[in-house]
C-alpha atoms as a PDB file:
ATOM      1  CA  MET A   1       0.000   0.000   0.000  1.00  0.00           C
ATOM      2  CA  HIS A   2       1.388   3.404  -0.959  1.00  0.00           C
ATOM      3  CA  LEU A   3       2.355   5.789   1.831  1.00  0.00           C
ATOM      4  CA  ARG A   4      -0.302   8.301   0.738  1.00  0.00           C
ATOM      5  CA  ARG A   5      -3.010   5.646   0.982  1.00  0.00           C
ATOM      6  CA  LEU A   6      -1.773   4.595   4.427  1.00  0.00           C
ATOM      7  CA  VAL A   7      -1.861   8.195   5.659  1.00  0.00           C
ATOM      8  CA  SER A   8      -5.342   8.762   4.215  1.00  0.00           C
ATOM      9  CA  PHE A   9      -6.600   5.544   5.796  1.00  0.00           C
ATOM     10  CA  ALA A  10      -5.172   6.509   9.187  1.00  0.00           C
ATOM     11  CA  LEU A  11      -6.681   9.990   9.001  1.00  0.00           C
ATOM     12  CA  LEU A  12     -10.109   8.642   8.146  1.00  0.00           C
ATOM     13  CA  LEU A  13     -10.044   6.176  11.018  1.00  0.00           C
ATOM     14  CA  GLY A  14      -8.716   8.812  13.393  1.00  0.00           C
ATOM     15  CA  LEU A  15     -11.549  11.186  12.494  1.00  0.00           C
ATOM     16  CA  GLY A  16     -14.103   8.450  12.848  1.00  0.00           C
ATOM     17  CA  LEU A  17     -15.507   9.240   9.431  1.00  0.00           C
ATOM     18  CA  GLY A  18     -15.989   5.665   8.282  1.00  0.00           C
ATOM     19  CA  TRP A  19     -16.950   4.916   4.717  1.00  0.00           C
ATOM     20  CA  PRO A  20     -16.317   5.364   1.889  1.00  0.00           C
ATOM     21  CA  ILE A  21     -12.519   5.171   1.775  1.00  0.00           C
ATOM     22  CA  PHE A  22     -11.124   5.778  -1.683  1.00  0.00           C
ATOM     23  CA  ALA A  23      -9.575   2.640  -3.082  1.00  0.00           C
ATOM     24  CA  ASP A  24      -6.551   4.264  -4.711  1.00  0.00           C
ATOM     25  CA  ASP A  25      -4.871   7.490  -5.714  1.00  0.00           C
ATOM     26  CA  ALA A  26      -6.806   7.606  -8.983  1.00  0.00           C
ATOM     27  CA  ALA A  27     -10.126   7.632  -7.134  1.00  0.00           C
ATOM     28  CA  MET A  28      -8.934  10.420  -4.824  1.00  0.00           C
ATOM     29  CA  SER A  29      -7.723  12.429  -7.815  1.00  0.00           C
ATOM     30  CA  SER A  30     -11.069  11.901  -9.536  1.00  0.00           C
ATOM     31  CA  HIS A  31     -12.837  13.269  -6.453  1.00  0.00           C
ATOM     32  CA  GLN A  32     -10.610  16.354  -6.469  1.00  0.00           C
ATOM     33  CA  GLU A  33     -11.498  16.976 -10.103  1.00  0.00           C
ATOM     34  CA  GLU A  34     -15.201  16.430  -9.423  1.00  0.00           C
ATOM     35  CA  ILE A  35     -15.192  19.103  -6.726  1.00  0.00           C
ATOM     36  CA  ARG A  36     -13.172  21.509  -8.888  1.00  0.00           C
ATOM     37  CA  GLN A  37     -15.719  21.228 -11.682  1.00  0.00           C
ATOM     38  CA  TRP A  38     -18.629  21.519  -9.236  1.00  0.00           C
ATOM     39  CA  ARG A  39     -17.190  24.765  -7.868  1.00  0.00           C
ATOM     40  CA  GLU A  40     -16.728  26.175 -11.377  1.00  0.00           C
ATOM     41  CA  ARG A  41     -20.359  25.445 -12.268  1.00  0.00           C
ATOM     42  CA  ARG A  42     -21.471  26.959  -8.957  1.00  0.00           C
ATOM     43  CA  LEU A  43     -19.731  30.265  -9.769  1.00  0.00           C
ATOM     44  CA  VAL A  44     -21.184  30.362 -13.282  1.00  0.00           C
ATOM     45  CA  ARG A  45     -24.730  29.942 -11.928  1.00  0.00           C
ATOM     46  CA  LEU A  46     -24.173  32.486  -9.169  1.00  0.00           C
ATOM     47  CA  GLN A  47     -22.885  35.174 -11.553  1.00  0.00           C
ATOM     48  CA  ALA A  48     -25.429  34.588 -14.331  1.00  0.00           C
ATOM     49  CA  ASP A  49     -28.102  37.166 -15.247  1.00  0.00           C
ATOM     50  CA  THR A  50     -30.577  34.954 -13.403  1.00  0.00           C
ATOM     51  CA  GLY A  51     -28.222  34.230 -10.489  1.00  0.00           C
ATOM     52  CA  TYR A  52     -28.592  35.399  -6.923  1.00  0.00           C
ATOM     53  CA  LEU A  53     -25.859  38.038  -7.260  1.00  0.00           C
ATOM     54  CA  ALA A  54     -28.152  39.893  -9.667  1.00  0.00           C
ATOM     55  CA  LEU A  55     -30.856  40.307  -7.004  1.00  0.00           C
ATOM     56  CA  ALA A  56     -31.657  43.994  -6.553  1.00  0.00           C
ATOM     57  CA  GLY A  57     -34.955  44.174  -4.704  1.00  0.00           C
ATOM     58  CA  LEU A  58     -37.637  42.325  -2.742  1.00  0.00           C
ATOM     59  CA  TYR A  59     -40.988  44.092  -2.472  1.00  0.00           C
ATOM     60  CA  TRP A  60     -43.901  42.664  -0.473  1.00  0.00           C
ATOM     61  CA  LEU A  61     -47.243  43.459  -2.066  1.00  0.00           C
ATOM     62  CA  GLU A  62     -50.232  44.881  -0.235  1.00  0.00           C
ATOM     63  CA  GLU A  63     -53.823  44.125  -1.144  1.00  0.00           C
ATOM     64  CA  GLY A  64     -54.988  46.341  -4.009  1.00  0.00           C
ATOM     65  CA  GLU A  65     -52.797  48.451  -6.298  1.00  0.00           C
ATOM     66  CA  ASN A  66     -49.027  48.651  -5.796  1.00  0.00           C
ATOM     67  CA  SER A  67     -47.456  51.227  -8.116  1.00  0.00           C
ATOM     68  CA  PHE A  68     -43.981  50.547  -9.530  1.00  0.00           C
ATOM     69  CA  GLY A  69     -41.335  52.601 -11.307  1.00  0.00           C
ATOM     70  CA  SER A  70     -38.167  54.569 -10.569  1.00  0.00           C
ATOM     71  CA  ASP A  71     -39.855  57.562  -8.922  1.00  0.00           C
ATOM     72  CA  LYS A  72     -39.627  57.479  -5.128  1.00  0.00           C
ATOM     73  CA  SER A  73     -43.348  58.075  -4.813  1.00  0.00           C
ATOM     74  CA  ASN A  74     -44.018  54.512  -6.021  1.00  0.00           C
ATOM     75  CA  ASP A  75     -44.849  51.645  -3.676  1.00  0.00           C
ATOM     76  CA  VAL A  76     -42.272  49.501  -5.500  1.00  0.00           C
ATOM     77  CA  ILE A  77     -39.196  51.545  -6.407  1.00  0.00           C
ATOM     78  CA  PHE A  78     -37.059  50.206  -9.261  1.00  0.00           C
ATOM     79  CA  PRO A  79     -33.555  51.425 -10.226  1.00  0.00           C
ATOM     80  CA  PRO A  80     -33.714  54.526 -12.474  1.00  0.00           C
ATOM     81  CA  HIS A  81     -31.502  53.055 -15.204  1.00  0.00           C
ATOM     82  CA  GLY A  82     -34.045  50.337 -15.951  1.00  0.00           C
ATOM     83  CA  ALA A  83     -37.516  51.748 -15.391  1.00  0.00           C
ATOM     84  CA  PRO A  84     -39.480  54.875 -16.208  1.00  0.00           C
ATOM     85  CA  ALA A  85     -40.636  57.075 -13.357  1.00  0.00           C
ATOM     86  CA  LYS A  86     -44.154  55.630 -13.482  1.00  0.00           C
ATOM     87  CA  ALA A  87     -44.021  52.149 -15.042  1.00  0.00           C
ATOM     88  CA  GLY A  88     -47.299  50.560 -13.948  1.00  0.00           C
ATOM     89  CA  VAL A  89     -49.063  48.789 -11.104  1.00  0.00           C
ATOM     90  CA  PHE A  90     -49.197  45.348  -9.522  1.00  0.00           C
ATOM     91  CA  VAL A  91     -52.768  44.591  -8.488  1.00  0.00           C
ATOM     92  CA  ARG A  92     -53.234  42.021  -5.758  1.00  0.00           C
ATOM     93  CA  LYS A  93     -56.637  40.530  -5.011  1.00  0.00           C
ATOM     94  CA  GLY A  94     -56.140  37.783  -2.452  1.00  0.00           C
ATOM     95  CA  GLN A  95     -54.023  35.074  -4.086  1.00  0.00           C
ATOM     96  CA  GLU A  96     -54.271  36.662  -7.527  1.00  0.00           C
ATOM     97  CA  VAL A  97     -51.706  39.195  -8.730  1.00  0.00           C
ATOM     98  CA  ARG A  98     -51.835  41.011 -12.061  1.00  0.00           C
ATOM     99  CA  VAL A  99     -49.442  43.485 -13.645  1.00  0.00           C
ATOM    100  CA  ARG A 100     -50.622  46.471 -15.679  1.00  0.00           C
ATOM    101  CA  ALA A 101     -48.061  48.525 -17.583  1.00  0.00           C
ATOM    102  CA  PHE A 102     -48.609  52.205 -18.264  1.00  0.00           C
ATOM    103  CA  PRO A 103     -48.364  53.469 -21.867  1.00  0.00           C
ATOM    104  CA  GLY A 104     -44.751  53.804 -22.950  1.00  0.00           C
ATOM    105  CA  THR A 105     -43.449  51.137 -20.553  1.00  0.00           C
ATOM    106  CA  ALA A 106     -41.490  48.541 -22.577  1.00  0.00           C
ATOM    107  CA  LEU A 107     -42.502  45.588 -20.416  1.00  0.00           C
ATOM    108  CA  LEU A 108     -41.803  42.161 -21.934  1.00  0.00           C
ATOM    109  CA  ASN A 109     -42.720  38.554 -21.234  1.00  0.00           C
ATOM    110  CA  ALA A 110     -40.938  35.876 -23.298  1.00  0.00           C
ATOM    111  CA  GLY A 111     -39.848  38.648 -25.664  1.00  0.00           C
ATOM    112  CA  LYS A 112     -43.395  39.927 -26.292  1.00  0.00           C
ATOM    113  CA  PRO A 113     -44.838  43.269 -25.127  1.00  0.00           C
ATOM    114  CA  VAL A 114     -47.108  43.168 -22.081  1.00  0.00           C
ATOM    115  CA  GLN A 115     -49.876  45.605 -21.270  1.00  0.00           C
ATOM    116  CA  GLU A 116     -51.664  43.531 -18.656  1.00  0.00           C
ATOM    117  CA  MET A 117     -51.430  39.916 -17.510  1.00  0.00           C
ATOM    118  CA  LEU A 118     -52.006  37.545 -14.609  1.00  0.00           C
ATOM    119  CA  LEU A 119     -48.771  36.525 -12.898  1.00  0.00           C
ATOM    120  CA  ALA A 120     -47.893  32.946 -11.955  1.00  0.00           C
ATOM    121  CA  SER A 121     -45.697  32.787  -8.841  1.00  0.00           C
ATOM    122  CA  ASP A 122     -42.579  30.719  -8.176  1.00  0.00           C
ATOM    123  CA  ALA A 123     -44.843  28.230  -6.398  1.00  0.00           C
ATOM    124  CA  THR A 124     -45.937  27.049  -9.850  1.00  0.00           C
ATOM    125  CA  GLU A 125     -43.969  25.021 -12.380  1.00  0.00           C
ATOM    126  CA  GLU A 126     -43.760  27.953 -14.820  1.00  0.00           C
ATOM    127  CA  PRO A 127     -43.591  31.304 -12.999  1.00  0.00           C
ATOM    128  CA  THR A 128     -44.086  34.447 -15.082  1.00  0.00           C
ATOM    129  CA  ARG A 129     -40.820  36.256 -15.829  1.00  0.00           C
ATOM    130  CA  LEU A 130     -40.996  39.901 -16.863  1.00  0.00           C
ATOM    131  CA  GLU A 131     -38.274  42.129 -18.333  1.00  0.00           C
ATOM    132  CA  LEU A 132     -37.819  45.874 -18.382  1.00  0.00           C
ATOM    133  CA  GLY A 133     -34.486  46.892 -19.890  1.00  0.00           C
ATOM    134  CA  ASP A 134     -31.709  45.479 -17.699  1.00  0.00           C
ATOM    135  CA  LEU A 135     -34.271  44.566 -15.061  1.00  0.00           C
ATOM    136  CA  SER A 136     -36.129  41.278 -14.717  1.00  0.00           C
ATOM    137  CA  PHE A 137     -38.640  40.352 -12.062  1.00  0.00           C
ATOM    138  CA  MET A 138     -41.101  37.702 -10.963  1.00  0.00           C
ATOM    139  CA  LEU A 139     -43.748  37.034  -8.362  1.00  0.00           C
ATOM    140  CA  ILE A 140     -42.777  34.886  -5.363  1.00  0.00           C
ATOM    141  CA  GLU A 141     -45.034  33.382  -2.708  1.00  0.00           C
ATOM    142  CA  ARG A 142     -43.936  32.725   0.871  1.00  0.00           C
ATOM    143  CA  SER A 143     -46.302  31.508   3.590  1.00  0.00           C
ATOM    144  CA  GLY A 144     -49.313  33.086   1.865  1.00  0.00           C
ATOM    145  CA  ARG A 145     -47.555  36.418   1.260  1.00  0.00           C
ATOM    146  CA  TYR A 146     -46.600  37.694  -2.189  1.00  0.00           C
ATOM    147  CA  ALA A 147     -43.612  39.741  -3.275  1.00  0.00           C
ATOM    148  CA  ILE A 148     -41.865  40.954  -6.404  1.00  0.00           C
ATOM    149  CA  ARG A 149     -38.283  39.680  -6.682  1.00  0.00           C
ATOM    150  CA  LEU A 150     -36.147  41.965  -8.831  1.00  0.00           C
ATOM    151  CA  ARG A 151     -32.926  41.175 -10.671  1.00  0.00           C
ATOM    152  CA  ASP A 152     -30.659  43.769 -12.265  1.00  0.00           C
ATOM    153  CA  LYS A 153     -27.855  43.005 -14.732  1.00  0.00           C
ATOM    154  CA  GLN A 154     -26.079  46.048 -13.318  1.00  0.00           C
ATOM    155  CA  SER A 155     -26.451  44.963  -9.686  1.00  0.00           C
ATOM    156  CA  PRO A 156     -23.581  46.356  -7.546  1.00  0.00           C
ATOM    157  CA  ILE A 157     -23.482  43.053  -5.647  1.00  0.00           C
ATOM    158  CA  ARG A 158     -22.830  41.235  -8.926  1.00  0.00           C
ATOM    159  CA  LYS A 159     -20.283  43.788 -10.160  1.00  0.00           C
ATOM    160  CA  ASN A 160     -18.327  43.731  -6.890  1.00  0.00           C
ATOM    161  CA  PHE A 161     -18.293  39.944  -6.463  1.00  0.00           C
ATOM    162  CA  HIS A 162     -14.749  38.680  -5.859  1.00  0.00           C
ATOM    163  CA  GLY A 163     -15.139  34.928  -5.605  1.00  0.00           C
ATOM    164  CA  ILE A 164     -15.629  32.497  -2.738  1.00  0.00           C
ATOM    165  CA  GLU A 165     -12.961  31.018  -0.501  1.00  0.00           C
ATOM    166  CA  ASN A 166     -13.231  27.264   0.050  1.00  0.00           C
ATOM    167  CA  TYR A 167     -11.647  24.810   2.410  1.00  0.00           C
ATOM    168  CA  PRO A 168      -9.195  22.447   0.671  1.00  0.00           C
ATOM    169  CA  VAL A 169     -10.933  19.409  -0.782  1.00  0.00           C
ATOM    170  CA  ASP A 170     -10.897  16.704   1.876  1.00  0.00           C
ATOM    171  CA  ALA A 171     -11.916  13.150   1.004  1.00  0.00           C
ATOM    172  CA  GLY A 172     -12.625  12.558   4.685  1.00  0.00           C
ATOM    173  CA  TYR A 173     -15.733  14.723   4.407  1.00  0.00           C
ATOM    174  CA  ARG A 174     -17.230  12.559   1.692  1.00  0.00           C
ATOM    175  CA  LEU A 175     -18.950   9.864   3.677  1.00  0.00           C
ATOM    176  CA  ARG A 176     -21.651   7.259   3.597  1.00  0.00           C
ATOM    177  CA  ALA A 177     -24.711   7.930   5.749  1.00  0.00           C
ATOM    178  CA  LYS A 178     -27.404   5.506   6.814  1.00  0.00           C
ATOM    179  CA  PHE A 179     -30.888   6.558   5.734  1.00  0.00           C
ATOM    180  CA  GLU A 180     -33.556   5.997   8.400  1.00  0.00           C
ATOM    181  CA  PRO A 181     -36.948   6.646   6.752  1.00  0.00           C
ATOM    182  CA  TYR A 182     -39.879   8.429   8.372  1.00  0.00           C
ATOM    183  CA  ASP A 183     -43.261   6.828   7.708  1.00  0.00           C
ATOM    184  CA  PRO A 184     -45.142   9.041   7.180  1.00  0.00           C
ATOM    185  CA  MET A 185     -42.768  11.821   6.221  1.00  0.00           C
ATOM    186  CA  LYS A 186     -41.858  14.144   9.065  1.00  0.00           C
ATOM    187  CA  PRO A 187     -43.192  17.741   8.870  1.00  0.00           C
ATOM    188  CA  ILE A 188     -40.578  20.332   9.856  1.00  0.00           C
ATOM    189  CA  ALA A 189     -41.278  24.016  10.529  1.00  0.00           C
ATOM    190  CA  ILE A 190     -38.656  25.977   8.608  1.00  0.00           C
ATOM    191  CA  VAL A 191     -38.210  29.650   9.521  1.00  0.00           C
ATOM    192  CA  ASN A 192     -36.688  31.929   6.877  1.00  0.00           C
ATOM    193  CA  VAL A 193     -34.567  35.080   7.209  1.00  0.00           C
ATOM    194  CA  VAL A 194     -37.600  37.382   6.940  1.00  0.00           C
ATOM    195  CA  GLY A 195     -39.351  35.600   9.815  1.00  0.00           C
ATOM    196  CA  LEU A 196     -41.911  33.621   7.821  1.00  0.00           C
ATOM    197  CA  VAL A 197     -42.497  29.945   8.544  1.00  0.00           C
ATOM    198  CA  ASP A 198     -43.048  27.174   5.993  1.00  0.00           C
ATOM    199  CA  THR A 199     -43.666  23.499   6.605  1.00  0.00           C
ATOM    200  CA  MET A 200     -41.295  21.224   4.684  1.00  0.00           C
ATOM    201  CA  TYR A 201     -41.228  17.445   4.775  1.00  0.00           C
ATOM    202  CA  SER A 202     -38.355  15.116   5.566  1.00  0.00           C
ATOM    203  CA  PRO A 203     -38.475  11.584   4.132  1.00  0.00           C
ATOM    204  CA  GLY A 204     -35.934  10.334   6.656  1.00  0.00           C
ATOM    205  CA  SER A 205     -32.884  11.026   8.794  1.00  0.00           C
ATOM    206  CA  LEU A 206     -29.256  10.748   7.669  1.00  0.00           C
ATOM    207  CA  VAL A 207     -27.071   9.103  10.316  1.00  0.00           C
ATOM    208  CA  PHE A 208     -23.282   9.125  10.076  1.00  0.00           C
ATOM    209  CA  SER A 209     -20.099   9.276  12.125  1.00  0.00           C
ATOM    210  CA  LEU A 210     -17.946  12.399  11.969  1.00  0.00           C
ATOM    211  CA  GLN A 211     -14.931  13.128  14.139  1.00  0.00           C
ATOM    212  CA  GLY A 212     -15.830  10.201  16.362  1.00  0.00           C
ATOM    213  CA  LYS A 213     -19.387  11.391  17.017  1.00  0.00           C
ATOM    214  CA  GLU A 214     -22.686  10.128  15.707  1.00  0.00           C
ATOM    215  CA  CYS A 215     -24.456  12.866  13.760  1.00  0.00           C
ATOM    216  CA  ARG A 216     -27.976  13.172  12.417  1.00  0.00           C
ATOM    217  CA  LEU A 217     -29.399  15.508   9.808  1.00  0.00           C
ATOM    218  CA  ASP A 218     -32.959  15.785   8.564  1.00  0.00           C
ATOM    219  CA  PRO A 219     -32.980  16.558   4.834  1.00  0.00           C
ATOM    220  CA  VAL A 220     -36.173  17.926   3.278  1.00  0.00           C
ATOM    221  CA  LEU A 221     -37.889  17.803  -0.090  1.00  0.00           C
ATOM    222  CA  GLU A 222     -38.401  21.135  -1.854  1.00  0.00           C
ATOM    223  CA  SER A 223     -41.272  19.649  -3.842  1.00  0.00           C
ATOM    224  CA  PRO A 224     -43.074  16.283  -3.924  1.00  0.00           C
ATOM    225  CA  ALA A 225     -41.419  15.476  -7.267  1.00  0.00           C
ATOM    226  CA  ASP A 226     -37.870  16.098  -6.012  1.00  0.00           C
ATOM    227  CA  THR A 227     -35.119  13.670  -6.999  1.00  0.00           C
ATOM    228  CA  THR A 228     -32.603  15.121  -4.522  1.00  0.00           C
ATOM    229  CA  LEU A 229     -32.448  15.678  -0.774  1.00  0.00           C
ATOM    230  CA  PHE A 230     -31.943  19.244   0.499  1.00  0.00           C
ATOM    231  CA  ILE A 231     -29.950  19.747   3.717  1.00  0.00           C
ATOM    232  CA  ILE A 232     -29.921  23.033   5.634  1.00  0.00           C
ATOM    233  CA  PHE A 233     -27.349  22.838   8.432  1.00  0.00           C
ATOM    234  CA  ARG A 234     -25.153  24.737  10.850  1.00  0.00           C
ATOM    235  CA  ASP A 235     -21.982  23.519  12.553  1.00  0.00           C
ATOM    236  CA  ALA A 236     -19.330  24.747  14.981  1.00  0.00           C
ATOM    237  CA  THR A 237     -17.719  26.920  12.279  1.00  0.00           C
ATOM    238  CA  SER A 238     -20.938  28.879  11.601  1.00  0.00           C
ATOM    239  CA  GLY A 239     -20.628  32.567  12.422  1.00  0.00           C
ATOM    240  CA  ASP A 240     -16.843  32.329  12.499  1.00  0.00           C
ATOM    241  CA  GLU A 241     -15.192  30.571   9.589  1.00  0.00           C
ATOM    242  CA  THR A 242     -18.433  29.980   7.689  1.00  0.00           C
ATOM    243  CA  TYR A 243     -21.669  31.894   7.174  1.00  0.00           C
ATOM    244  CA  GLY A 244     -23.538  32.426  10.445  1.00  0.00           C
ATOM    245  CA  ASP A 245     -26.967  31.307   9.280  1.00  0.00           C
ATOM    246  CA  GLY A 246     -25.662  27.980   8.027  1.00  0.00           C
ATOM    247  CA  ARG A 247     -25.007  26.361   4.658  1.00  0.00           C
ATOM    248  CA  PHE A 248     -26.854  24.288   2.089  1.00  0.00           C
ATOM    249  CA  LEU A 249     -26.049  20.859   0.702  1.00  0.00           C
ATOM    250  CA  TYR A 250     -27.778  18.537  -1.763  1.00  0.00           C
ATOM    251  CA  THR A 251     -27.444  14.767  -1.972  1.00  0.00           C
ATOM    252  CA  SER A 252     -28.897  12.068  -4.172  1.00  0.00           C
ATOM    253  CA  MET A 253     -31.891  10.072  -3.006  1.00  0.00           C
ATOM    254  CA  PRO A 254     -31.142   6.984  -0.869  1.00  0.00           C
ATOM    255  CA  ALA A 255     -30.069   3.758  -2.531  1.00  0.00           C
ATOM    256  CA  ALA A 256     -30.022   0.500  -0.581  1.00  0.00           C
ATOM    257  CA  GLY A 257     -30.693   2.472   2.598  1.00  0.00           C
ATOM    258  CA  GLN A 258     -27.638   4.707   2.218  1.00  0.00           C
ATOM    259  CA  VAL A 259     -26.804   8.222   1.025  1.00  0.00           C
ATOM    260  CA  ILE A 260     -23.443   9.714   0.065  1.00  0.00           C
ATOM    261  CA  VAL A 261     -22.978  13.034   1.887  1.00  0.00           C
ATOM    262  CA  ASP A 262     -20.126  15.164   0.517  1.00  0.00           C
ATOM    263  CA  PHE A 263     -19.564  18.242   2.661  1.00  0.00           C
ATOM    264  CA  ASN A 264     -17.024  19.468   0.100  1.00  0.00           C
ATOM    265  CA  LYS A 265     -20.153  20.618  -1.774  1.00  0.00           C
ATOM    266  CA  ALA A 266     -21.575  22.566   1.181  1.00  0.00           C
ATOM    267  CA  TYR A 267     -22.261  26.094  -0.023  1.00  0.00           C
ATOM    268  CA  ASN A 268     -23.388  29.512   1.169  1.00  0.00           C
ATOM    269  CA  PRO A 269     -27.097  30.345   0.876  1.00  0.00           C
ATOM    270  CA  PRO A 270     -28.100  33.384  -1.215  1.00  0.00           C
ATOM    271  CA  CYS A 271     -28.531  35.510   1.927  1.00  0.00           C
ATOM    272  CA  ALA A 272     -24.762  35.325   2.440  1.00  0.00           C
ATOM    273  CA  PHE A 273     -24.416  37.644  -0.566  1.00  0.00           C
ATOM    274  CA  SER A 274     -27.650  39.628  -0.805  1.00  0.00           C
ATOM    275  CA  PRO A 275     -30.288  41.150   1.512  1.00  0.00           C
ATOM    276  CA  TYR A 276     -33.026  40.534  -1.078  1.00  0.00           C
ATOM    277  CA  THR A 277     -33.589  36.880  -0.240  1.00  0.00           C
ATOM    278  CA  THR A 278     -35.887  34.610   1.756  1.00  0.00           C
ATOM    279  CA  CYS A 279     -33.373  31.917   2.726  1.00  0.00           C
ATOM    280  CA  PRO A 280     -34.602  29.079   4.944  1.00  0.00           C
ATOM    281  CA  LEU A 281     -32.737  28.660   8.233  1.00  0.00           C
ATOM    282  CA  PRO A 282     -31.522  25.342   9.683  1.00  0.00           C
ATOM    283  CA  PRO A 283     -33.957  23.544  11.994  1.00  0.00           C
ATOM    284  CA  ARG A 284     -32.599  22.920  15.470  1.00  0.00           C
ATOM    285  CA  GLN A 285     -31.924  19.225  14.824  1.00  0.00           C
ATOM    286  CA  ASN A 286     -29.592  20.173  11.961  1.00  0.00           C
ATOM    287  CA  GLU A 287     -27.189  22.141  14.150  1.00  0.00           C
ATOM    288  CA  LEU A 288     -24.038  20.029  14.447  1.00  0.00           C
ATOM    289  CA  GLU A 289     -21.877  20.551  17.526  1.00  0.00           C
ATOM    290  CA  ILE A 290     -18.688  19.718  15.629  1.00  0.00           C
ATOM    291  CA  PRO A 291     -16.831  21.847  13.057  1.00  0.00           C
ATOM    292  CA  VAL A 292     -17.300  20.922   9.398  1.00  0.00           C
ATOM    293  CA  ARG A 293     -14.237  22.377   7.705  1.00  0.00           C
ATOM    294  CA  ALA A 294     -15.242  21.516   4.172  1.00  0.00           C
ATOM    295  CA  GLY A 295     -17.009  23.407   1.409  1.00  0.00           C
ATOM    296  CA  GLU A 296     -17.442  27.160   1.208  1.00  0.00           C
ATOM    297  CA  LYS A 297     -16.183  29.596   3.812  1.00  0.00           C
ATOM    298  CA  ALA A 298     -17.890  32.850   4.810  1.00  0.00           C
ATOM    299  CA  TYR A 299     -18.116  35.501   2.089  1.00  0.00           C
ATOM    300  CA  ALA A 300     -16.657  38.867   3.044  1.00  0.00           C
ATOM    301  CA  GLU A 301     -17.344  42.014   1.030  1.00  0.00           C
ATOM    302  CA  LYS A 302     -14.269  43.998   0.032  1.00  0.00           C
END
């Protein structure tokens, strides 16, 4: 056995991480490359026109008419470089929200001019996406409340982004967890950063050993048709080395009662970069007492 494999094996046993242990140097190298490519794709998505760095506003709608445009007298104030002073109104009637553009407002949906239309929220499979110059926006629904989420291609947050610092890739943080199903699925109250509460459902608990301690995390499904598990967690690095409100991580669905959890893919939620978000916060049972020094570190503005 090569010295590197012996050292890796000893480290894994010493940390109490268990399985899987990479069989050879080629497998470890392949994992390094997998994480490198994952991080590249992550940055591309984050910096895209539709990425979270482009967020430029979050406006909660009141019942009735909500005027929008760049003039400060509007209920919803858009950046002046993208919207006329008086662009139109959002009209909310209960769970129904319509947009009505004023004459001269170049509002588009799927490339076609819009004068008035009913908006589908992000709770539907095909939410309505509207464009106004460099601005794009959509209706979101959270706990029965409705808001307009605005993106701006000229967002200062996007322009000033300087990358994300990561911990070195560590094969010891890619581990095999036992999946203990809940029957029926377990409802979990998830509070978000704006204080609203949603109920999400966990199909089962992930049980694994890390640094000699048994750990449990409850992943949730973001929709009934999900093919991945979504983990919202905090650990002993949160608020110090990593983002204070925790990190996100996705895994595949269980196979043969097991799930591969790779903390090298743990990443900062959108609220680590922007105030215009509604990030879910970790439930109490997903707060690990040990440090997880893998994945993304805290983002600091320069």
